[in-house]
Amino acid sequence: MNRIAAAAQRTTRVVRPMAQNARAVAKRNMSAHGHHDPNDMTWRNVSVVGTGMMLVLAAYQYRIHLDHLAHPGYKRSENNNRFAYMDNRKKAFPWVCSDCGLFDGECWKQCKAEGK
């Protein structure tokens, strides 16, 4: 037990000055001697203004999106974006309901209801 206590005492004597010295060195290095880089505040301000502008732009775009959804001519449906060129086929699909796309669930239901 004496050996452990003696070793702990020696370690404390060695480590304590090193820790105090490390704190002093860290304090001296981290304070940068009281001089601040003038660009630090510039880039902070650029970041704050840029973030603010992006938030305003996002809110504006969201408002435009909501106005578009509220438009009386807008119908929210699965076939809302169907154009004539999308239905142009040179040959039928190689499955039972040859007019239906592979993942077109509504068309498949109609096809099966008709008994094709």
PDB file of N, CA and C in Angstrom:
ATOM      1  N   MET A   1       0.817  -1.185   0.000  1.00  0.00           N
ATOM      2  CA  MET A   1       0.000   0.000   0.000  1.00  0.00           C
ATOM      3  C   MET A   1       0.865   1.254   0.000  1.00  0.00           C
ATOM      4  N   ASN A   2       2.001   1.200   0.689  1.00  0.00           N
ATOM      5  CA  ASN A   2       2.917   2.329   0.741  1.00  0.00           C
ATOM      6  C   ASN A   2       3.472   2.665  -0.633  1.00  0.00           C
ATOM      7  N   ARG A   3       3.745   1.624  -1.405  1.00  0.00           N
ATOM      8  CA  ARG A   3       4.291   1.848  -2.738  1.00  0.00           C
ATOM      9  C   ARG A   3       3.288   2.602  -3.615  1.00  0.00           C
ATOM     10  N   ILE A   4       2.024   2.236  -3.512  1.00  0.00           N
ATOM     11  CA  ILE A   4       0.985   2.883  -4.322  1.00  0.00           C
ATOM     12  C   ILE A   4       0.854   4.348  -3.925  1.00  0.00           C
ATOM     13  N   ALA A   5       0.861   4.619  -2.617  1.00  0.00           N
ATOM     14  CA  ALA A   5       0.751   6.004  -2.138  1.00  0.00           C
ATOM     15  C   ALA A   5       1.960   6.823  -2.583  1.00  0.00           C
ATOM     16  N   ALA A   6       3.141   6.242  -2.526  1.00  0.00           N
ATOM     17  CA  ALA A   6       4.353   6.951  -2.932  1.00  0.00           C
ATOM     18  C   ALA A   6       4.332   7.235  -4.435  1.00  0.00           C
ATOM     19  N   ALA A   7       3.867   6.263  -5.209  1.00  0.00           N
ATOM     20  CA  ALA A   7       3.783   6.462  -6.660  1.00  0.00           C
ATOM     21  C   ALA A   7       2.773   7.548  -6.992  1.00  0.00           C
ATOM     22  N   ALA A   8       1.661   7.572  -6.297  1.00  0.00           N
ATOM     23  CA  ALA A   8       0.649   8.600  -6.527  1.00  0.00           C
ATOM     24  C   ALA A   8       1.196   9.981  -6.182  1.00  0.00           C
ATOM     25  N   GLN A   9       1.964  10.073  -5.103  1.00  0.00           N
ATOM     26  CA  GLN A   9       2.548  11.347  -4.711  1.00  0.00           C
ATOM     27  C   GLN A   9       3.557  11.844  -5.750  1.00  0.00           C
ATOM     28  N   ARG A  10       4.403  10.928  -6.238  1.00  0.00           N
ATOM     29  CA  ARG A  10       5.379  11.316  -7.254  1.00  0.00           C
ATOM     30  C   ARG A  10       4.677  11.772  -8.532  1.00  0.00           C
ATOM     31  N   THR A  11       3.647  11.047  -8.912  1.00  0.00           N
ATOM     32  CA  THR A  11       2.904  11.407 -10.125  1.00  0.00           C
ATOM     33  C   THR A  11       2.269  12.770  -9.971  1.00  0.00           C
ATOM     34  N   THR A  12       1.712  13.040  -8.801  1.00  0.00           N
ATOM     35  CA  THR A  12       1.086  14.333  -8.556  1.00  0.00           C
ATOM     36  C   THR A  12       2.105  15.449  -8.626  1.00  0.00           C
ATOM     37  N   ARG A  13       3.291  15.222  -8.066  1.00  0.00           N
ATOM     38  CA  ARG A  13       4.334  16.237  -8.102  1.00  0.00           C
ATOM     39  C   ARG A  13       4.780  16.535  -9.534  1.00  0.00           C
ATOM     40  N   VAL A  14       4.767  15.536 -10.379  1.00  0.00           N
ATOM     41  CA  VAL A  14       5.215  15.717 -11.760  1.00  0.00           C
ATOM     42  C   VAL A  14       4.102  16.316 -12.621  1.00  0.00           C
ATOM     43  N   VAL A  15       2.883  15.840 -12.435  1.00  0.00           N
ATOM     44  CA  VAL A  15       1.778  16.221 -13.321  1.00  0.00           C
ATOM     45  C   VAL A  15       1.248  17.612 -13.013  1.00  0.00           C
ATOM     46  N   ARG A  16       1.198  17.998 -11.739  1.00  0.00           N
ATOM     47  CA  ARG A  16       0.609  19.291 -11.371  1.00  0.00           C
ATOM     48  C   ARG A  16       1.304  20.467 -12.058  1.00  0.00           C
ATOM     49  N   PRO A  17       2.627  20.582 -12.022  1.00  0.00           N
ATOM     50  CA  PRO A  17       3.261  21.709 -12.733  1.00  0.00           C
ATOM     51  C   PRO A  17       3.027  21.662 -14.236  1.00  0.00           C
ATOM     52  N   MET A  18       2.990  20.456 -14.797  1.00  0.00           N
ATOM     53  CA  MET A  18       2.737  20.346 -16.235  1.00  0.00           C
ATOM     54  C   MET A  18       1.345  20.846 -16.579  1.00  0.00           C
ATOM     55  N   ALA A  19       0.357  20.516 -15.752  1.00  0.00           N
ATOM     56  CA  ALA A  19      -1.011  20.960 -16.002  1.00  0.00           C
ATOM     57  C   ALA A  19      -1.120  22.470 -15.878  1.00  0.00           C
ATOM     58  N   GLN A  20      -0.466  23.047 -14.860  1.00  0.00           N
ATOM     59  CA  GLN A  20      -0.505  24.496 -14.695  1.00  0.00           C
ATOM     60  C   GLN A  20       0.173  25.187 -15.876  1.00  0.00           C
ATOM     61  N   ASN A  21       1.277  24.640 -16.317  1.00  0.00           N
ATOM     62  CA  ASN A  21       1.979  25.206 -17.462  1.00  0.00           C
ATOM     63  C   ASN A  21       1.129  25.082 -18.726  1.00  0.00           C
ATOM     64  N   ALA A  22       0.449  23.962 -18.906  1.00  0.00           N
ATOM     65  CA  ALA A  22      -0.393  23.755 -20.079  1.00  0.00           C
ATOM     66  C   ALA A  22      -1.535  24.761 -20.099  1.00  0.00           C
ATOM     67  N   ARG A  23      -2.138  25.039 -18.936  1.00  0.00           N
ATOM     68  CA  ARG A  23      -3.215  26.031 -18.879  1.00  0.00           C
ATOM     69  C   ARG A  23      -2.693  27.402 -19.273  1.00  0.00           C
ATOM     70  N   ALA A  24      -1.509  27.760 -18.799  1.00  0.00           N
ATOM     71  CA  ALA A  24      -0.939  29.071 -19.121  1.00  0.00           C
ATOM     72  C   ALA A  24      -0.625  29.162 -20.610  1.00  0.00           C
ATOM     73  N   VAL A  25      -0.075  28.099 -21.189  1.00  0.00           N
ATOM     74  CA  VAL A  25       0.249  28.099 -22.608  1.00  0.00           C
ATOM     75  C   VAL A  25      -1.024  28.168 -23.440  1.00  0.00           C
ATOM     76  N   ALA A  26      -2.027  27.394 -23.057  1.00  0.00           N
ATOM     77  CA  ALA A  26      -3.287  27.396 -23.798  1.00  0.00           C
ATOM     78  C   ALA A  26      -3.951  28.763 -23.714  1.00  0.00           C
ATOM     79  N   LYS A  27      -3.923  29.363 -22.555  1.00  0.00           N
ATOM     80  CA  LYS A  27      -4.523  30.678 -22.395  1.00  0.00           C
ATOM     81  C   LYS A  27      -3.797  31.691 -23.264  1.00  0.00           C
ATOM     82  N   ARG A  28      -2.494  31.636 -23.293  1.00  0.00           N
ATOM     83  CA  ARG A  28      -1.723  32.574 -24.072  1.00  0.00           C
ATOM     84  C   ARG A  28      -1.969  32.357 -25.570  1.00  0.00           C
ATOM     85  N   ASN A  29      -2.018  31.112 -26.015  1.00  0.00           N
ATOM     86  CA  ASN A  29      -2.203  30.835 -27.435  1.00  0.00           C
ATOM     87  C   ASN A  29      -3.629  31.103 -27.892  1.00  0.00           C
ATOM     88  N   MET A  30      -4.598  30.793 -27.064  1.00  0.00           N
ATOM     89  CA  MET A  30      -5.983  30.924 -27.475  1.00  0.00           C
ATOM     90  C   MET A  30      -6.463  32.366 -27.474  1.00  0.00           C
ATOM     91  N   SER A  31      -5.832  33.243 -26.711  1.00  0.00           N
ATOM     92  CA  SER A  31      -6.296  34.620 -26.654  1.00  0.00           C
ATOM     93  C   SER A  31      -5.831  35.419 -27.863  1.00  0.00           C
ATOM     94  N   ALA A  32      -4.895  34.926 -28.606  1.00  0.00           N
ATOM     95  CA  ALA A  32      -4.345  35.582 -29.795  1.00  0.00           C
ATOM     96  C   ALA A  32      -3.800  36.959 -29.462  1.00  0.00           C
ATOM     97  N   HIS A  33      -3.338  37.144 -28.258  1.00  0.00           N
ATOM     98  CA  HIS A  33      -2.688  38.371 -27.818  1.00  0.00           C
ATOM     99  C   HIS A  33      -3.576  39.607 -27.941  1.00  0.00           C
ATOM    100  N   GLY A  34      -4.887  39.419 -27.904  1.00  0.00           N
ATOM    101  CA  GLY A  34      -5.807  40.545 -27.918  1.00  0.00           C
ATOM    102  C   GLY A  34      -6.061  41.132 -29.294  1.00  0.00           C
ATOM    103  N   HIS A  35      -5.466  40.610 -30.344  1.00  0.00           N
ATOM    104  CA  HIS A  35      -5.689  41.131 -31.690  1.00  0.00           C
ATOM    105  C   HIS A  35      -6.706  40.259 -32.397  1.00  0.00           C
ATOM    106  N   HIS A  36      -7.669  40.901 -33.028  1.00  0.00           N
ATOM    107  CA  HIS A  36      -8.683  40.158 -33.770  1.00  0.00           C
ATOM    108  C   HIS A  36      -8.542  40.453 -35.248  1.00  0.00           C
ATOM    109  N   ASP A  37      -8.790  39.462 -36.032  1.00  0.00           N
ATOM    110  CA  ASP A  37      -8.741  39.621 -37.469  1.00  0.00           C
ATOM    111  C   ASP A  37      -9.987  40.384 -37.918  1.00  0.00           C
ATOM    112  N   PRO A  38      -9.846  41.473 -38.655  1.00  0.00           N
ATOM    113  CA  PRO A  38     -11.024  42.235 -39.071  1.00  0.00           C
ATOM    114  C   PRO A  38     -11.929  41.450 -40.024  1.00  0.00           C
ATOM    115  N   ASN A  39     -11.388  40.445 -40.686  1.00  0.00           N
ATOM    116  CA  ASN A  39     -12.202  39.644 -41.592  1.00  0.00           C
ATOM    117  C   ASN A  39     -13.167  38.723 -40.848  1.00  0.00           C
ATOM    118  N   ASP A  40     -12.901  38.446 -39.584  1.00  0.00           N
ATOM    119  CA  ASP A  40     -13.783  37.563 -38.820  1.00  0.00           C
ATOM    120  C   ASP A  40     -15.206  38.105 -38.784  1.00  0.00           C
ATOM    121  N   MET A  41     -15.355  39.358 -38.436  1.00  0.00           N
ATOM    122  CA  MET A  41     -16.689  39.951 -38.353  1.00  0.00           C
ATOM    123  C   MET A  41     -17.306  40.114 -39.737  1.00  0.00           C
ATOM    124  N   THR A  42     -16.488  40.374 -40.736  1.00  0.00           N
ATOM    125  CA  THR A  42     -17.007  40.520 -42.099  1.00  0.00           C
ATOM    126  C   THR A  42     -17.662  39.226 -42.551  1.00  0.00           C
ATOM    127  N   TRP A  43     -16.969  38.108 -42.368  1.00  0.00           N
ATOM    128  CA  TRP A  43     -17.521  36.839 -42.821  1.00  0.00           C
ATOM    129  C   TRP A  43     -18.693  36.398 -41.963  1.00  0.00           C
ATOM    130  N   ARG A  44     -18.688  36.762 -40.693  1.00  0.00           N
ATOM    131  CA  ARG A  44     -19.849  36.471 -39.849  1.00  0.00           C
ATOM    132  C   ARG A  44     -21.061  37.235 -40.373  1.00  0.00           C
ATOM    133  N   ASN A  45     -20.869  38.505 -40.694  1.00  0.00           N
ATOM    134  CA  ASN A  45     -21.974  39.316 -41.204  1.00  0.00           C
ATOM    135  C   ASN A  45     -22.454  38.816 -42.566  1.00  0.00           C
ATOM    136  N   VAL A  46     -21.528  38.412 -43.422  1.00  0.00           N
ATOM    137  CA  VAL A  46     -21.920  37.861 -44.717  1.00  0.00           C
ATOM    138  C   VAL A  46     -22.759  36.606 -44.523  1.00  0.00           C
ATOM    139  N   SER A  47     -22.374  35.761 -43.579  1.00  0.00           N
ATOM    140  CA  SER A  47     -23.127  34.544 -43.313  1.00  0.00           C
ATOM    141  C   SER A  47     -24.520  34.852 -42.776  1.00  0.00           C
ATOM    142  N   VAL A  48     -24.615  35.800 -41.870  1.00  0.00           N
ATOM    143  CA  VAL A  48     -25.920  36.153 -41.294  1.00  0.00           C
ATOM    144  C   VAL A  48     -26.835  36.737 -42.367  1.00  0.00           C
ATOM    145  N   VAL A  49     -26.318  37.658 -43.169  1.00  0.00           N
ATOM    146  CA  VAL A  49     -27.128  38.276 -44.227  1.00  0.00           C
ATOM    147  C   VAL A  49     -27.515  37.231 -45.271  1.00  0.00           C
ATOM    148  N   GLY A  50     -26.591  36.381 -45.659  1.00  0.00           N
ATOM    149  CA  GLY A  50     -26.892  35.332 -46.646  1.00  0.00           C
ATOM    150  C   GLY A  50     -27.947  34.367 -46.150  1.00  0.00           C
ATOM    151  N   THR A  51     -27.855  33.979 -44.886  1.00  0.00           N
ATOM    152  CA  THR A  51     -28.860  33.072 -44.322  1.00  0.00           C
ATOM    153  C   THR A  51     -30.218  33.754 -44.289  1.00  0.00           C
ATOM    154  N   GLY A  52     -30.240  35.016 -43.900  1.00  0.00           N
ATOM    155  CA  GLY A  52     -31.504  35.759 -43.883  1.00  0.00           C
ATOM    156  C   GLY A  52     -32.127  35.861 -45.259  1.00  0.00           C
ATOM    157  N   MET A  53     -31.293  36.148 -46.268  1.00  0.00           N
ATOM    158  CA  MET A  53     -31.808  36.252 -47.636  1.00  0.00           C
ATOM    159  C   MET A  53     -32.359  34.913 -48.124  1.00  0.00           C
ATOM    160  N   MET A  54     -31.691  33.826 -47.777  1.00  0.00           N
ATOM    161  CA  MET A  54     -32.175  32.507 -48.197  1.00  0.00           C
ATOM    162  C   MET A  54     -33.502  32.165 -47.536  1.00  0.00           C
ATOM    163  N   LEU A  55     -33.672  32.535 -46.269  1.00  0.00           N
ATOM    164  CA  LEU A  55     -34.941  32.284 -45.589  1.00  0.00           C
ATOM    165  C   LEU A  55     -36.072  33.096 -46.213  1.00  0.00           C
ATOM    166  N   VAL A  56     -35.796  34.354 -46.559  1.00  0.00           N
ATOM    167  CA  VAL A  56     -36.818  35.185 -47.210  1.00  0.00           C
ATOM    168  C   VAL A  56     -37.172  34.602 -48.571  1.00  0.00           C
ATOM    169  N   LEU A  57     -36.191  34.182 -49.344  1.00  0.00           N
ATOM    170  CA  LEU A  57     -36.439  33.583 -50.650  1.00  0.00           C
ATOM    171  C   LEU A  57     -37.229  32.280 -50.524  1.00  0.00           C
ATOM    172  N   ALA A  58     -36.909  31.472 -49.528  1.00  0.00           N
ATOM    173  CA  ALA A  58     -37.643  30.217 -49.319  1.00  0.00           C
ATOM    174  C   ALA A  58     -39.102  30.502 -48.971  1.00  0.00           C
ATOM    175  N   ALA A  59     -39.344  31.497 -48.120  1.00  0.00           N
ATOM    176  CA  ALA A  59     -40.727  31.847 -47.768  1.00  0.00           C
ATOM    177  C   ALA A  59     -41.476  32.356 -48.994  1.00  0.00           C
ATOM    178  N   TYR A  60     -40.822  33.144 -49.819  1.00  0.00           N
ATOM    179  CA  TYR A  60     -41.446  33.660 -51.040  1.00  0.00           C
ATOM    180  C   TYR A  60     -41.803  32.522 -51.997  1.00  0.00           C
ATOM    181  N   GLN A  61     -40.877  31.599 -52.196  1.00  0.00           N
ATOM    182  CA  GLN A  61     -41.137  30.461 -53.080  1.00  0.00           C
ATOM    183  C   GLN A  61     -42.254  29.580 -52.551  1.00  0.00           C
ATOM    184  N   TYR A  62     -42.302  29.397 -51.242  1.00  0.00           N
ATOM    185  CA  TYR A  62     -43.370  28.596 -50.646  1.00  0.00           C
ATOM    186  C   TYR A  62     -44.714  29.270 -50.859  1.00  0.00           C
ATOM    187  N   ARG A  63     -44.757  30.595 -50.734  1.00  0.00           N
ATOM    188  CA  ARG A  63     -45.994  31.338 -50.962  1.00  0.00           C
ATOM    189  C   ARG A  63     -46.452  31.181 -52.413  1.00  0.00           C
ATOM    190  N   ILE A  64     -45.516  31.259 -53.355  1.00  0.00           N
ATOM    191  CA  ILE A  64     -45.859  31.056 -54.768  1.00  0.00           C
ATOM    192  C   ILE A  64     -46.420  29.653 -54.971  1.00  0.00           C
ATOM    193  N   HIS A  65     -45.818  28.675 -54.319  1.00  0.00           N
ATOM    194  CA  HIS A  65     -46.289  27.297 -54.433  1.00  0.00           C
ATOM    195  C   HIS A  65     -47.716  27.168 -53.906  1.00  0.00           C
ATOM    196  N   LEU A  66     -47.998  27.790 -52.762  1.00  0.00           N
ATOM    197  CA  LEU A  66     -49.352  27.727 -52.205  1.00  0.00           C
ATOM    198  C   LEU A  66     -50.351  28.437 -53.107  1.00  0.00           C
ATOM    199  N   ASP A  67     -49.958  29.560 -53.712  1.00  0.00           N
ATOM    200  CA  ASP A  67     -50.848  30.248 -54.640  1.00  0.00           C
ATOM    201  C   ASP A  67     -51.150  29.378 -55.849  1.00  0.00           C
ATOM    202  N   HIS A  68     -50.150  28.654 -56.311  1.00  0.00           N
ATOM    203  CA  HIS A  68     -50.354  27.761 -57.455  1.00  0.00           C
ATOM    204  C   HIS A  68     -51.336  26.644 -57.111  1.00  0.00           C
ATOM    205  N   LEU A  69     -51.220  26.091 -55.914  1.00  0.00           N
ATOM    206  CA  LEU A  69     -52.133  25.025 -55.504  1.00  0.00           C
ATOM    207  C   LEU A  69     -53.553  25.534 -55.340  1.00  0.00           C
ATOM    208  N   ALA A  70     -53.712  26.798 -54.951  1.00  0.00           N
ATOM    209  CA  ALA A  70     -55.043  27.363 -54.734  1.00  0.00           C
ATOM    210  C   ALA A  70     -55.683  27.832 -56.033  1.00  0.00           C
ATOM    211  N   HIS A  71     -54.961  27.800 -57.135  1.00  0.00           N
ATOM    212  CA  HIS A  71     -55.505  28.255 -58.419  1.00  0.00           C
ATOM    213  C   HIS A  71     -56.691  27.385 -58.804  1.00  0.00           C
ATOM    214  N   PRO A  72     -57.783  27.985 -59.287  1.00  0.00           N
ATOM    215  CA  PRO A  72     -58.986  27.187 -59.583  1.00  0.00           C
ATOM    216  C   PRO A  72     -58.795  26.168 -60.699  1.00  0.00           C
ATOM    217  N   GLY A  73     -57.867  26.378 -61.616  1.00  0.00           N
ATOM    218  CA  GLY A  73     -57.666  25.437 -62.709  1.00  0.00           C
ATOM    219  C   GLY A  73     -56.781  24.263 -62.347  1.00  0.00           C
ATOM    220  N   TYR A  74     -56.226  24.277 -61.169  1.00  0.00           N
ATOM    221  CA  TYR A  74     -55.299  23.212 -60.776  1.00  0.00           C
ATOM    222  C   TYR A  74     -56.074  22.048 -60.193  1.00  0.00           C
ATOM    223  N   LYS A  75     -55.886  20.882 -60.764  1.00  0.00           N
ATOM    224  CA  LYS A  75     -56.519  19.672 -60.241  1.00  0.00           C
ATOM    225  C   LYS A  75     -55.420  18.729 -59.822  1.00  0.00           C
ATOM    226  N   ARG A  76     -55.495  18.299 -58.603  1.00  0.00           N
ATOM    227  CA  ARG A  76     -54.472  17.392 -58.095  1.00  0.00           C
ATOM    228  C   ARG A  76     -54.914  15.959 -58.391  1.00  0.00           C
ATOM    229  N   SER A  77     -54.311  15.380 -59.393  1.00  0.00           N
ATOM    230  CA  SER A  77     -54.646  14.004 -59.745  1.00  0.00           C
ATOM    231  C   SER A  77     -53.406  13.303 -60.271  1.00  0.00           C
ATOM    232  N   GLU A  78     -53.524  12.022 -60.448  1.00  0.00           N
ATOM    233  CA  GLU A  78     -52.383  11.242 -60.912  1.00  0.00           C
ATOM    234  C   GLU A  78     -52.067  11.543 -62.375  1.00  0.00           C
ATOM    235  N   ASN A  79     -53.099  11.839 -63.167  1.00  0.00           N
ATOM    236  CA  ASN A  79     -52.907  12.075 -64.593  1.00  0.00           C
ATOM    237  C   ASN A  79     -52.814  13.556 -64.924  1.00  0.00           C
ATOM    238  N   ASN A  80     -52.439  14.363 -63.965  1.00  0.00           N
ATOM    239  CA  ASN A  80     -52.400  15.809 -64.163  1.00  0.00           C
ATOM    240  C   ASN A  80     -51.384  16.214 -65.224  1.00  0.00           C
ATOM    241  N   ASN A  81     -50.306  15.509 -65.323  1.00  0.00           N
ATOM    242  CA  ASN A  81     -49.248  15.891 -66.257  1.00  0.00           C
ATOM    243  C   ASN A  81     -49.182  14.984 -67.484  1.00  0.00           C
ATOM    244  N   ARG A  82     -50.286  14.451 -67.903  1.00  0.00           N
ATOM    245  CA  ARG A  82     -50.287  13.581 -69.086  1.00  0.00           C
ATOM    246  C   ARG A  82     -50.330  14.435 -70.341  1.00  0.00           C
ATOM    247  N   PHE A  83     -49.443  14.148 -71.237  1.00  0.00           N
ATOM    248  CA  PHE A  83     -49.381  14.845 -72.509  1.00  0.00           C
ATOM    249  C   PHE A  83     -49.540  13.826 -73.620  1.00  0.00           C
ATOM    250  N   ALA A  84     -49.894  14.309 -74.786  1.00  0.00           N
ATOM    251  CA  ALA A  84     -50.147  13.403 -75.908  1.00  0.00           C
ATOM    252  C   ALA A  84     -48.907  12.592 -76.265  1.00  0.00           C
ATOM    253  N   TYR A  85     -47.747  13.193 -76.209  1.00  0.00           N
ATOM    254  CA  TYR A  85     -46.538  12.472 -76.601  1.00  0.00           C
ATOM    255  C   TYR A  85     -46.204  11.346 -75.621  1.00  0.00           C
ATOM    256  N   MET A  86     -46.770  11.382 -74.414  1.00  0.00           N
ATOM    257  CA  MET A  86     -46.483  10.337 -73.442  1.00  0.00           C
ATOM    258  C   MET A  86     -47.244   9.048 -73.758  1.00  0.00           C
ATOM    259  N   ASP A  87     -48.335   9.159 -74.497  1.00  0.00           N
ATOM    260  CA  ASP A  87     -49.125   7.978 -74.845  1.00  0.00           C
ATOM    261  C   ASP A  87     -48.785   7.433 -76.233  1.00  0.00           C
ATOM    262  N   ASN A  88     -47.794   7.972 -76.886  1.00  0.00           N
ATOM    263  CA  ASN A  88     -47.399   7.542 -78.216  1.00  0.00           C
ATOM    264  C   ASN A  88     -46.575   6.257 -78.092  1.00  0.00           C
ATOM    265  N   ARG A  89     -47.142   5.141 -78.570  1.00  0.00           N
ATOM    266  CA  ARG A  89     -46.434   3.859 -78.494  1.00  0.00           C
ATOM    267  C   ARG A  89     -46.360   3.226 -79.876  1.00  0.00           C
ATOM    268  N   LYS A  90     -45.233   2.667 -80.190  1.00  0.00           N
ATOM    269  CA  LYS A  90     -45.048   1.974 -81.468  1.00  0.00           C
ATOM    270  C   LYS A  90     -45.593   0.550 -81.395  1.00  0.00           C
ATOM    271  N   LYS A  91     -45.500  -0.057 -80.185  1.00  0.00           N
ATOM    272  CA  LYS A  91     -46.041  -1.396 -80.013  1.00  0.00           C
ATOM    273  C   LYS A  91     -46.578  -1.525 -78.582  1.00  0.00           C
ATOM    274  N   ALA A  92     -47.395  -2.507 -78.362  1.00  0.00           N
ATOM    275  CA  ALA A  92     -48.037  -2.692 -77.061  1.00  0.00           C
ATOM    276  C   ALA A  92     -47.027  -3.219 -76.044  1.00  0.00           C
ATOM    277  N   PHE A  93     -47.340  -2.965 -74.769  1.00  0.00           N
ATOM    278  CA  PHE A  93     -46.502  -3.515 -73.709  1.00  0.00           C
ATOM    279  C   PHE A  93     -46.646  -5.037 -73.684  1.00  0.00           C
ATOM    280  N   PRO A  94     -45.630  -5.768 -73.247  1.00  0.00           N
ATOM    281  CA  PRO A  94     -45.674  -7.225 -73.311  1.00  0.00           C
ATOM    282  C   PRO A  94     -46.376  -7.893 -72.128  1.00  0.00           C
ATOM    283  N   TRP A  95     -47.380  -7.298 -71.536  1.00  0.00           N
ATOM    284  CA  TRP A  95     -48.139  -7.929 -70.466  1.00  0.00           C
ATOM    285  C   TRP A  95     -49.615  -7.881 -70.777  1.00  0.00           C
ATOM    286  N   VAL A  96     -50.421  -8.450 -69.918  1.00  0.00           N
ATOM    287  CA  VAL A  96     -51.846  -8.663 -70.193  1.00  0.00           C
ATOM    288  C   VAL A  96     -52.557  -7.366 -70.550  1.00  0.00           C
ATOM    289  N   CYS A  97     -52.413  -6.346 -69.735  1.00  0.00           N
ATOM    290  CA  CYS A  97     -53.027  -5.046 -70.019  1.00  0.00           C
ATOM    291  C   CYS A  97     -52.013  -4.209 -70.790  1.00  0.00           C
ATOM    292  N   SER A  98     -52.008  -4.348 -72.100  1.00  0.00           N
ATOM    293  CA  SER A  98     -50.952  -3.758 -72.902  1.00  0.00           C
ATOM    294  C   SER A  98     -51.029  -2.239 -73.020  1.00  0.00           C
ATOM    295  N   ASP A  99     -52.151  -1.632 -72.640  1.00  0.00           N
ATOM    296  CA  ASP A  99     -52.246  -0.174 -72.682  1.00  0.00           C
ATOM    297  C   ASP A  99     -51.746   0.473 -71.397  1.00  0.00           C
ATOM    298  N   CYS A 100     -51.568  -0.312 -70.331  1.00  0.00           N
ATOM    299  CA  CYS A 100     -51.188   0.235 -69.022  1.00  0.00           C
ATOM    300  C   CYS A 100     -49.672   0.211 -68.839  1.00  0.00           C
ATOM    301  N   GLY A 101     -49.186   1.265 -68.223  1.00  0.00           N
ATOM    302  CA  GLY A 101     -47.787   1.278 -67.831  1.00  0.00           C
ATOM    303  C   GLY A 101     -47.578   0.288 -66.694  1.00  0.00           C
ATOM    304  N   LEU A 102     -46.341  -0.099 -66.451  1.00  0.00           N
ATOM    305  CA  LEU A 102     -46.056  -1.127 -65.454  1.00  0.00           C
ATOM    306  C   LEU A 102     -46.493  -0.716 -64.051  1.00  0.00           C
ATOM    307  N   PHE A 103     -46.325   0.547 -63.690  1.00  0.00           N
ATOM    308  CA  PHE A 103     -46.666   1.000 -62.343  1.00  0.00           C
ATOM    309  C   PHE A 103     -47.906   1.897 -62.322  1.00  0.00           C
ATOM    310  N   ASP A 104     -48.741   1.827 -63.324  1.00  0.00           N
ATOM    311  CA  ASP A 104     -49.972   2.633 -63.401  1.00  0.00           C
ATOM    312  C   ASP A 104     -51.117   1.845 -62.774  1.00  0.00           C
ATOM    313  N   GLY A 105     -51.283   1.981 -61.465  1.00  0.00           N
ATOM    314  CA  GLY A 105     -52.245   1.179 -60.715  1.00  0.00           C
ATOM    315  C   GLY A 105     -53.689   1.401 -61.117  1.00  0.00           C
ATOM    316  N   GLU A 106     -54.079   2.646 -61.392  1.00  0.00           N
ATOM    317  CA  GLU A 106     -55.463   2.937 -61.774  1.00  0.00           C
ATOM    318  C   GLU A 106     -55.813   2.264 -63.091  1.00  0.00           C
ATOM    319  N   CYS A 107     -54.924   2.327 -64.052  1.00  0.00           N
ATOM    320  CA  CYS A 107     -55.155   1.696 -65.348  1.00  0.00           C
ATOM    321  C   CYS A 107     -55.281   0.180 -65.195  1.00  0.00           C
ATOM    322  N   TRP A 108     -54.454  -0.417 -64.340  1.00  0.00           N
ATOM    323  CA  TRP A 108     -54.526  -1.860 -64.116  1.00  0.00           C
ATOM    324  C   TRP A 108     -55.869  -2.247 -63.505  1.00  0.00           C
ATOM    325  N   LYS A 109     -56.358  -1.449 -62.555  1.00  0.00           N
ATOM    326  CA  LYS A 109     -57.665  -1.740 -61.932  1.00  0.00           C
ATOM    327  C   LYS A 109     -58.777  -1.680 -62.976  1.00  0.00           C
ATOM    328  N   GLN A 110     -58.747  -0.657 -63.832  1.00  0.00           N
ATOM    329  CA  GLN A 110     -59.771  -0.544 -64.888  1.00  0.00           C
ATOM    330  C   GLN A 110     -59.669  -1.710 -65.859  1.00  0.00           C
ATOM    331  N   CYS A 111     -58.487  -2.090 -66.217  1.00  0.00           N
ATOM    332  CA  CYS A 111     -58.273  -3.177 -67.159  1.00  0.00           C
ATOM    333  C   CYS A 111     -58.807  -4.506 -66.603  1.00  0.00           C
ATOM    334  N   LYS A 112     -58.502  -4.747 -65.323  1.00  0.00           N
ATOM    335  CA  LYS A 112     -58.964  -5.991 -64.719  1.00  0.00           C
ATOM    336  C   LYS A 112     -60.477  -5.979 -64.510  1.00  0.00           C
ATOM    337  N   ALA A 113     -61.041  -4.794 -64.244  1.00  0.00           N
ATOM    338  CA  ALA A 113     -62.493  -4.698 -64.095  1.00  0.00           C
ATOM    339  C   ALA A 113     -63.197  -4.952 -65.423  1.00  0.00           C
ATOM    340  N   GLU A 114     -62.583  -4.537 -66.508  1.00  0.00           N
ATOM    341  CA  GLU A 114     -63.167  -4.777 -67.844  1.00  0.00           C
ATOM    342  C   GLU A 114     -62.969  -6.217 -68.289  1.00  0.00           C
ATOM    343  N   GLY A 115     -62.064  -6.930 -67.640  1.00  0.00           N
ATOM    344  CA  GLY A 115     -61.852  -8.336 -67.936  1.00  0.00           C
ATOM    345  C   GLY A 115     -60.904  -8.589 -69.095  1.00  0.00           C
ATOM    346  N   LYS A 116     -59.985  -7.713 -69.342  1.00  0.00           N
ATOM    347  CA  LYS A 116     -59.035  -7.900 -70.432  1.00  0.00           C
ATOM    348  C   LYS A 116     -57.971  -8.894 -70.060  1.00  0.00           C
TER     349      LYS A 116
END
